[in-house]
Each structure stands twice: as C-alpha cells, then as structure tokens.
C-alpha cells in the first residue's frame, strides 16, 4: 500500500515539490526506492531510526 499512496501523492505535486511518506510495512524499504527509480523521481532521504520508515521524495517531472 505505501507505494500506491506515494504514487497518488506525487501525482498531486508540481515538479520540485516534496512529499514525506511514513510507513511501517517492511517491504517499503525496498519498494519505495524501486518505485522512485522506475518512475524517475528523486528519493532524497530514507530514515529508519524510529522504527517507522520515513522517505522524502521530490517530484522530478
């Protein structure tokens, strides 16, 4: 589910804007970076220090 929510959120952004995705699903650690590469979006930050995955993604185009 995190990737589906990410795709919907990024669709609403203008290029250069950012979204923060928080996820507890362990698969997100792999799925979100793969989605960013496939969709050519910028993954700026990944943080797992709090037990919750935090991703910062910037819309590239």
PDB file of N, CA and C in Angstrom:
ATOM      1  N   UNK A   1       0.788  -1.211   0.000  1.00  0.00           N
ATOM      2  CA  UNK A   1       0.000   0.000   0.000  1.00  0.00           C
ATOM      3  C   UNK A   1       0.834   1.282   0.000  1.00  0.00           C
ATOM      4  N   UNK A   2       1.995   1.337   0.660  1.00  0.00           N
ATOM      5  CA  UNK A   2       2.735   2.606   0.679  1.00  0.00           C
ATOM      6  C   UNK A   2       3.059   3.135  -0.717  1.00  0.00           C
ATOM      7  N   UNK A   3       3.389   2.263  -1.650  1.00  0.00           N
ATOM      8  CA  UNK A   3       3.754   2.726  -2.991  1.00  0.00           C
ATOM      9  C   UNK A   3       2.533   3.300  -3.715  1.00  0.00           C
ATOM     10  N   UNK A   4       1.385   2.706  -3.508  1.00  0.00           N
ATOM     11  CA  UNK A   4       0.160   3.226  -4.130  1.00  0.00           C
ATOM     12  C   UNK A   4      -0.143   4.618  -3.585  1.00  0.00           C
ATOM     13  N   UNK A   5      -0.032   4.780  -2.280  1.00  0.00           N
ATOM     14  CA  UNK A   5      -0.259   6.091  -1.682  1.00  0.00           C
ATOM     15  C   UNK A   5       0.789   7.100  -2.143  1.00  0.00           C
ATOM     16  N   UNK A   6       2.021   6.656  -2.288  1.00  0.00           N
ATOM     17  CA  UNK A   6       3.084   7.526  -2.779  1.00  0.00           C
ATOM     18  C   UNK A   6       2.785   7.991  -4.199  1.00  0.00           C
ATOM     19  N   UNK A   7       2.391   7.089  -5.054  1.00  0.00           N
ATOM     20  CA  UNK A   7       2.085   7.432  -6.446  1.00  0.00           C
ATOM     21  C   UNK A   7       0.973   8.480  -6.505  1.00  0.00           C
ATOM     22  N   UNK A   8      -0.050   8.317  -5.692  1.00  0.00           N
ATOM     23  CA  UNK A   8      -1.150   9.274  -5.672  1.00  0.00           C
ATOM     24  C   UNK A   8      -0.692  10.629  -5.156  1.00  0.00           C
ATOM     25  N   UNK A   9       0.154  10.628  -4.142  1.00  0.00           N
ATOM     26  CA  UNK A   9       0.641  11.890  -3.575  1.00  0.00           C
ATOM     27  C   UNK A   9       1.548  12.623  -4.556  1.00  0.00           C
ATOM     28  N   UNK A  10       2.454  11.913  -5.197  1.00  0.00           N
ATOM     29  CA  UNK A  10       3.387  12.538  -6.140  1.00  0.00           C
ATOM     30  C   UNK A  10       2.636  13.120  -7.327  1.00  0.00           C
ATOM     31  N   UNK A  11       1.575  12.472  -7.733  1.00  0.00           N
ATOM     32  CA  UNK A  11       0.759  12.949  -8.858  1.00  0.00           C
ATOM     33  C   UNK A  11       0.191  14.347  -8.579  1.00  0.00           C
ATOM     34  N   UNK A  12      -0.030  14.666  -7.318  1.00  0.00           N
ATOM     35  CA  UNK A  12      -0.608  15.955  -6.936  1.00  0.00           C
ATOM     36  C   UNK A  12       0.430  17.075  -6.821  1.00  0.00           C
ATOM     37  N   UNK A  13       1.710  16.725  -6.871  1.00  0.00           N
ATOM     38  CA  UNK A  13       2.782  17.700  -6.689  1.00  0.00           C
ATOM     39  C   UNK A  13       3.194  18.348  -7.994  1.00  0.00           C
ATOM     40  N   UNK A  14       3.750  19.526  -7.884  1.00  0.00           N
ATOM     41  CA  UNK A  14       4.427  20.170  -9.002  1.00  0.00           C
ATOM     42  C   UNK A  14       5.884  19.730  -8.967  1.00  0.00           C
ATOM     43  N   UNK A  15       6.571  19.741 -10.107  1.00  0.00           N
ATOM     44  CA  UNK A  15       7.996  19.399 -10.099  1.00  0.00           C
ATOM     45  C   UNK A  15       8.755  20.261  -9.091  1.00  0.00           C
ATOM     46  N   UNK A  16       9.626  19.607  -8.316  1.00  0.00           N
ATOM     47  CA  UNK A  16      10.406  20.289  -7.297  1.00  0.00           C
ATOM     48  C   UNK A  16       9.791  20.226  -5.909  1.00  0.00           C
ATOM     49  N   UNK A  17       8.503  19.923  -5.827  1.00  0.00           N
ATOM     50  CA  UNK A  17       7.864  19.788  -4.518  1.00  0.00           C
ATOM     51  C   UNK A  17       8.172  18.418  -3.930  1.00  0.00           C
ATOM     52  N   UNK A  18       8.063  18.328  -2.613  1.00  0.00           N
ATOM     53  CA  UNK A  18       8.422  17.096  -1.911  1.00  0.00           C
ATOM     54  C   UNK A  18       7.245  16.545  -1.125  1.00  0.00           C
ATOM     55  N   UNK A  19       7.304  15.248  -0.902  1.00  0.00           N
ATOM     56  CA  UNK A  19       6.331  14.567  -0.054  1.00  0.00           C
ATOM     57  C   UNK A  19       7.109  13.692   0.922  1.00  0.00           C
ATOM     58  N   UNK A  20       6.588  13.569   2.138  1.00  0.00           N
ATOM     59  CA  UNK A  20       7.171  12.683   3.149  1.00  0.00           C
ATOM     60  C   UNK A  20       6.220  11.507   3.309  1.00  0.00           C
ATOM     61  N   UNK A  21       6.755  10.311   3.165  1.00  0.00           N
ATOM     62  CA  UNK A  21       5.979   9.086   3.321  1.00  0.00           C
ATOM     63  C   UNK A  21       6.452   8.371   4.571  1.00  0.00           C
ATOM     64  N   UNK A  22       5.528   8.056   5.461  1.00  0.00           N
ATOM     65  CA  UNK A  22       5.814   7.270   6.653  1.00  0.00           C
ATOM     66  C   UNK A  22       5.172   5.910   6.469  1.00  0.00           C
ATOM     67  N   UNK A  23       5.918   4.853   6.757  1.00  0.00           N
ATOM     68  CA  UNK A  23       5.404   3.500   6.559  1.00  0.00           C
ATOM     69  C   UNK A  23       5.940   2.563   7.627  1.00  0.00           C
ATOM     70  N   UNK A  24       5.105   1.618   8.009  1.00  0.00           N
ATOM     71  CA  UNK A  24       5.540   0.573   8.938  1.00  0.00           C
ATOM     72  C   UNK A  24       5.731  -0.754   8.226  1.00  0.00           C
ATOM     73  N   UNK A  25       5.342  -0.815   6.975  1.00  0.00           N
ATOM     74  CA  UNK A  25       5.471  -2.030   6.173  1.00  0.00           C
ATOM     75  C   UNK A  25       6.946  -2.248   5.818  1.00  0.00           C
ATOM     76  N   UNK A  26       7.563  -3.353   6.266  1.00  0.00           N
ATOM     77  CA  UNK A  26       8.978  -3.597   5.969  1.00  0.00           C
ATOM     78  C   UNK A  26       9.282  -3.665   4.472  1.00  0.00           C
ATOM     79  N   UNK A  27       8.312  -4.046   3.665  1.00  0.00           N
ATOM     80  CA  UNK A  27       8.525  -4.117   2.216  1.00  0.00           C
ATOM     81  C   UNK A  27       8.757  -2.731   1.618  1.00  0.00           C
ATOM     82  N   UNK A  28       8.315  -1.691   2.300  1.00  0.00           N
ATOM     83  CA  UNK A  28       8.500  -0.329   1.794  1.00  0.00           C
ATOM     84  C   UNK A  28       9.972   0.015   1.646  1.00  0.00           C
ATOM     85  N   UNK A  29      10.824  -0.566   2.470  1.00  0.00           N
ATOM     86  CA  UNK A  29      12.271  -0.284   2.415  1.00  0.00           C
ATOM     87  C   UNK A  29      12.847  -0.618   1.042  1.00  0.00           C
ATOM     88  N   UNK A  30      12.277  -1.613   0.395  1.00  0.00           N
ATOM     89  CA  UNK A  30      12.701  -1.996  -0.952  1.00  0.00           C
ATOM     90  C   UNK A  30      11.801  -1.362  -2.007  1.00  0.00           C
ATOM     91  N   UNK A  31      10.500  -1.402  -1.775  1.00  0.00           N
ATOM     92  CA  UNK A  31       9.528  -0.975  -2.782  1.00  0.00           C
ATOM     93  C   UNK A  31       9.609   0.506  -3.129  1.00  0.00           C
ATOM     94  N   UNK A  32       9.781   1.358  -2.135  1.00  0.00           N
ATOM     95  CA  UNK A  32       9.789   2.802  -2.400  1.00  0.00           C
ATOM     96  C   UNK A  32      11.006   3.211  -3.244  1.00  0.00           C
ATOM     97  N   UNK A  33      12.229   2.798  -2.902  1.00  0.00           N
ATOM     98  CA  UNK A  33      13.355   3.151  -3.781  1.00  0.00           C
ATOM     99  C   UNK A  33      13.215   2.596  -5.201  1.00  0.00           C
ATOM    100  N   UNK A  34      12.688   1.385  -5.325  1.00  0.00           N
ATOM    101  CA  UNK A  34      12.493   0.804  -6.658  1.00  0.00           C
ATOM    102  C   UNK A  34      11.474   1.629  -7.441  1.00  0.00           C
ATOM    103  N   UNK A  35      10.380   1.995  -6.790  1.00  0.00           N
ATOM    104  CA  UNK A  35       9.355   2.807  -7.455  1.00  0.00           C
ATOM    105  C   UNK A  35       9.957   4.136  -7.919  1.00  0.00           C
ATOM    106  N   UNK A  36      10.747   4.770  -7.058  1.00  0.00           N
ATOM    107  CA  UNK A  36      11.370   6.048  -7.420  1.00  0.00           C
ATOM    108  C   UNK A  36      12.265   5.910  -8.645  1.00  0.00           C
ATOM    109  N   UNK A  37      13.049   4.839  -8.699  1.00  0.00           N
ATOM    110  CA  UNK A  37      13.910   4.613  -9.874  1.00  0.00           C
ATOM    111  C   UNK A  37      13.076   4.363 -11.125  1.00  0.00           C
ATOM    112  N   UNK A  38      12.062   3.534 -10.998  1.00  0.00           N
ATOM    113  CA  UNK A  38      11.220   3.202 -12.160  1.00  0.00           C
ATOM    114  C   UNK A  38      10.475   4.427 -12.693  1.00  0.00           C
ATOM    115  N   UNK A  39      10.024   5.279 -11.793  1.00  0.00           N
ATOM    116  CA  UNK A  39       9.238   6.461 -12.179  1.00  0.00           C
ATOM    117  C   UNK A  39      10.102   7.703 -12.338  1.00  0.00           C
ATOM    118  N   UNK A  40      11.417   7.533 -12.138  1.00  0.00           N
ATOM    119  CA  UNK A  40      12.378   8.616 -12.285  1.00  0.00           C
ATOM    120  C   UNK A  40      12.041   9.805 -11.384  1.00  0.00           C
ATOM    121  N   UNK A  41      11.736   9.491 -10.133  1.00  0.00           N
ATOM    122  CA  UNK A  41      11.514  10.508  -9.107  1.00  0.00           C
ATOM    123  C   UNK A  41      12.718  10.495  -8.162  1.00  0.00           C
ATOM    124  N   UNK A  42      12.921  11.579  -7.447  1.00  0.00           N
ATOM    125  CA  UNK A  42      14.111  11.707  -6.598  1.00  0.00           C
ATOM    126  C   UNK A  42      13.820  11.256  -5.166  1.00  0.00           C
ATOM    127  N   UNK A  43      14.530  10.230  -4.734  1.00  0.00           N
ATOM    128  CA  UNK A  43      14.463   9.796  -3.342  1.00  0.00           C
ATOM    129  C   UNK A  43      15.555  10.552  -2.602  1.00  0.00           C
ATOM    130  N   UNK A  44      15.174  11.499  -1.769  1.00  0.00           N
ATOM    131  CA  UNK A  44      16.137  12.377  -1.116  1.00  0.00           C
ATOM    132  C   UNK A  44      16.614  11.849   0.221  1.00  0.00           C
ATOM    133  N   UNK A  45      15.745  11.107   0.910  1.00  0.00           N
ATOM    134  CA  UNK A  45      16.093  10.686   2.264  1.00  0.00           C
ATOM    135  C   UNK A  45      15.348   9.417   2.637  1.00  0.00           C
ATOM    136  N   UNK A  46      16.037   8.533   3.353  1.00  0.00           N
ATOM    137  CA  UNK A  46      15.436   7.347   3.954  1.00  0.00           C
ATOM    138  C   UNK A  46      15.925   7.286   5.387  1.00  0.00           C
ATOM    139  N   UNK A  47      14.987   7.194   6.320  1.00  0.00           N
ATOM    140  CA  UNK A  47      15.347   7.119   7.734  1.00  0.00           C
ATOM    141  C   UNK A  47      14.548   6.002   8.380  1.00  0.00           C
ATOM    142  N   UNK A  48      15.238   5.127   9.089  1.00  0.00           N
ATOM    143  CA  UNK A  48      14.590   4.007   9.773  1.00  0.00           C
ATOM    144  C   UNK A  48      14.836   4.055  11.276  1.00  0.00           C
ATOM    145  N   UNK A  49      15.357   5.141  11.778  1.00  0.00           N
ATOM    146  CA  UNK A  49      15.846   5.194  13.154  1.00  0.00           C
ATOM    147  C   UNK A  49      14.747   5.111  14.216  1.00  0.00           C
ATOM    148  N   UNK A  50      13.521   5.433  13.884  1.00  0.00           N
ATOM    149  CA  UNK A  50      12.456   5.440  14.887  1.00  0.00           C
ATOM    150  C   UNK A  50      11.588   4.187  14.846  1.00  0.00           C
ATOM    151  N   UNK A  51      11.926   3.238  14.000  1.00  0.00           N
ATOM    152  CA  UNK A  51      11.089   2.053  13.840  1.00  0.00           C
ATOM    153  C   UNK A  51      10.006   2.243  12.794  1.00  0.00           C
ATOM    154  N   UNK A  52       9.899   3.453  12.289  1.00  0.00           N
ATOM    155  CA  UNK A  52       8.984   3.770  11.197  1.00  0.00           C
ATOM    156  C   UNK A  52       9.845   4.232  10.036  1.00  0.00           C
ATOM    157  N   UNK A  53       9.567   3.713   8.860  1.00  0.00           N
ATOM    158  CA  UNK A  53      10.308   4.144   7.672  1.00  0.00           C
ATOM    159  C   UNK A  53       9.833   5.540   7.273  1.00  0.00           C
ATOM    160  N   UNK A  54      10.791   6.424   7.048  1.00  0.00           N
ATOM    161  CA  UNK A  54      10.484   7.793   6.620  1.00  0.00           C
ATOM    162  C   UNK A  54      11.238   8.049   5.323  1.00  0.00           C
ATOM    163  N   UNK A  55      10.483   8.364   4.290  1.00  0.00           N
ATOM    164  CA  UNK A  55      11.048   8.632   2.971  1.00  0.00           C
ATOM    165  C   UNK A  55      10.684  10.057   2.573  1.00  0.00           C
ATOM    166  N   UNK A  56      11.650  10.758   1.998  1.00  0.00           N
ATOM    167  CA  UNK A  56      11.390  12.084   1.428  1.00  0.00           C
ATOM    168  C   UNK A  56      11.618  11.944  -0.066  1.00  0.00           C
ATOM    169  N   UNK A  57      10.566  12.241  -0.825  1.00  0.00           N
ATOM    170  CA  UNK A  57      10.607  12.088  -2.278  1.00  0.00           C
ATOM    171  C   UNK A  57      10.289  13.437  -2.911  1.00  0.00           C
ATOM    172  N   UNK A  58      11.061  13.783  -3.934  1.00  0.00           N
ATOM    173  CA  UNK A  58      10.819  15.019  -4.681  1.00  0.00           C
ATOM    174  C   UNK A  58      10.326  14.659  -6.077  1.00  0.00           C
ATOM    175  N   UNK A  59       9.278  15.343  -6.491  1.00  0.00           N
ATOM    176  CA  UNK A  59       8.780  15.116  -7.847  1.00  0.00           C
ATOM    177  C   UNK A  59       9.773  15.719  -8.835  1.00  0.00           C
ATOM    178  N   UNK A  60      10.258  14.900  -9.732  1.00  0.00           N
ATOM    179  CA  UNK A  60      11.285  15.334 -10.679  1.00  0.00           C
ATOM    180  C   UNK A  60      10.697  15.914 -11.961  1.00  0.00           C
ATOM    181  N   UNK A  61       9.541  15.432 -12.376  1.00  0.00           N
ATOM    182  CA  UNK A  61       8.939  15.885 -13.635  1.00  0.00           C
ATOM    183  C   UNK A  61       7.452  15.794 -13.575  1.00  0.00           C
TER     184      UNK A  61
END
